[in-house]
Amino acid sequence: MTKAELVERVSDRIKLTKKQTEIIVNTLFTSITDALTQGDKVELRGFGSFRVRRRQSRDGRNPKTGQSVYIPPKKVPFFKAGKELREMVDS
């Protein structure tokens, strides 16, 4: 599902224009992004939680040349599905 499809589905459900719904969806995504950027955790009960994980530095290998390369530490977003979502997907 694309963002446009999400906006269309939400718009149909709540009977708002697509433009109004797009503002709502963008605000939701921006709020989640801002919280993660500040190091906060975002928890949506029944759906799942978003948080930031730290990856340690490590040595990797360039697949083209086989040469060893240093991969610096970094932060990555991580999503963990909630129990209800896992059960719905599994059924």
Protein backbone atom coordinates (compact mmCIF):
# COMPACT_ATOMS: atom_id res chain seq x y z
CA MET A 1 0.00 0.00 0.00
CA THR A 2 1.32 3.40 -0.94
CA LYS A 3 0.84 6.64 0.96
CA ALA A 4 -1.68 7.78 -1.68
CA GLU A 5 -3.69 4.57 -1.22
CA LEU A 6 -3.60 5.05 2.55
CA VAL A 7 -4.89 8.62 2.19
CA GLU A 8 -7.68 7.41 -0.09
CA ARG A 9 -8.79 4.66 2.32
CA VAL A 10 -8.75 6.96 5.35
CA SER A 11 -10.55 9.67 3.39
CA ASP A 12 -13.34 7.23 2.46
CA ARG A 13 -13.73 6.13 6.08
CA ILE A 14 -13.81 9.50 7.80
CA LYS A 15 -15.60 11.40 5.03
CA LEU A 16 -13.04 14.18 4.64
CA THR A 17 -11.48 15.43 1.44
CA LYS A 18 -8.30 13.77 0.26
CA LYS A 19 -6.40 17.01 0.83
CA GLN A 20 -7.54 17.19 4.48
CA THR A 21 -6.78 13.52 4.99
CA GLU A 22 -3.33 13.94 3.44
CA ILE A 23 -2.56 16.66 5.99
CA ILE A 24 -3.60 14.30 8.80
CA VAL A 25 -1.49 11.42 7.46
CA ASN A 26 1.53 13.68 6.92
CA THR A 27 1.15 15.08 10.44
CA LEU A 28 1.09 11.56 11.87
CA PHE A 29 4.24 10.53 9.99
CA THR A 30 6.00 13.77 10.88
CA SER A 31 5.14 13.33 14.55
CA ILE A 32 6.55 9.78 14.57
CA THR A 33 9.68 10.93 12.75
CA ASP A 34 10.21 13.88 15.13
CA ALA A 35 9.82 11.65 18.19
CA LEU A 36 12.34 9.11 16.86
CA THR A 37 14.77 11.88 15.94
CA GLN A 38 14.65 13.09 19.55
CA GLY A 39 15.31 9.55 20.79
CA ASP A 40 11.77 8.91 22.03
CA LYS A 41 9.79 5.71 21.61
CA VAL A 42 6.40 5.77 19.84
CA GLU A 43 3.94 3.14 21.02
CA LEU A 44 0.61 2.53 19.30
CA ARG A 45 -1.24 -0.02 21.43
CA GLY A 46 -2.41 -3.03 19.47
CA PHE A 47 -0.39 -1.98 16.42
CA GLY A 48 3.24 -1.80 17.50
CA SER A 49 6.06 0.44 18.60
CA PHE A 50 8.77 2.43 16.87
CA ARG A 51 12.15 3.13 18.43
CA VAL A 52 15.74 3.83 17.49
CA ARG A 53 18.38 1.12 17.72
CA ARG A 54 22.11 1.72 17.74
CA ARG A 55 24.31 -0.41 15.52
CA GLN A 56 27.91 -0.90 16.56
CA SER A 57 30.78 -0.27 14.17
CA ARG A 58 32.02 -3.32 12.34
CA ASP A 59 34.25 -4.51 9.56
CA GLY A 60 32.49 -5.33 6.32
CA ARG A 61 33.49 -6.45 2.89
CA ASN A 62 33.00 -4.70 -0.44
CA PRO A 63 31.12 -7.35 -2.45
CA LYS A 64 32.55 -6.09 -5.73
CA THR A 65 36.24 -6.06 -4.79
CA GLY A 66 36.31 -8.27 -1.69
CA GLN A 67 38.26 -5.54 0.10
CA SER A 68 37.66 -5.04 3.84
CA VAL A 69 35.90 -1.77 4.74
CA TYR A 70 35.09 -0.07 8.05
CA ILE A 71 31.37 0.46 8.73
CA PRO A 72 30.87 3.23 11.31
CA PRO A 73 28.29 3.03 14.13
CA LYS A 74 24.84 4.38 13.31
CA LYS A 75 21.28 4.70 14.54
CA VAL A 76 18.45 2.98 12.67
CA PRO A 77 14.66 3.07 13.09
CA PHE A 78 13.13 -0.17 14.34
CA PHE A 79 9.49 -1.32 14.38
CA LYS A 80 8.17 -4.08 16.61
CA ALA A 81 4.67 -5.32 15.81
CA GLY A 82 2.19 -5.48 18.68
CA LYS A 83 0.53 -8.71 19.77
CA GLU A 84 -2.80 -7.95 18.06
CA LEU A 85 -1.12 -7.09 14.74
CA ARG A 86 1.03 -10.24 14.86
CA GLU A 87 -2.03 -12.38 15.53
CA MET A 88 -4.05 -10.77 12.72
CA VAL A 89 -1.23 -11.24 10.21
CA ASP A 90 -0.67 -14.84 11.31
CA SER A 91 -4.31 -15.91 10.95
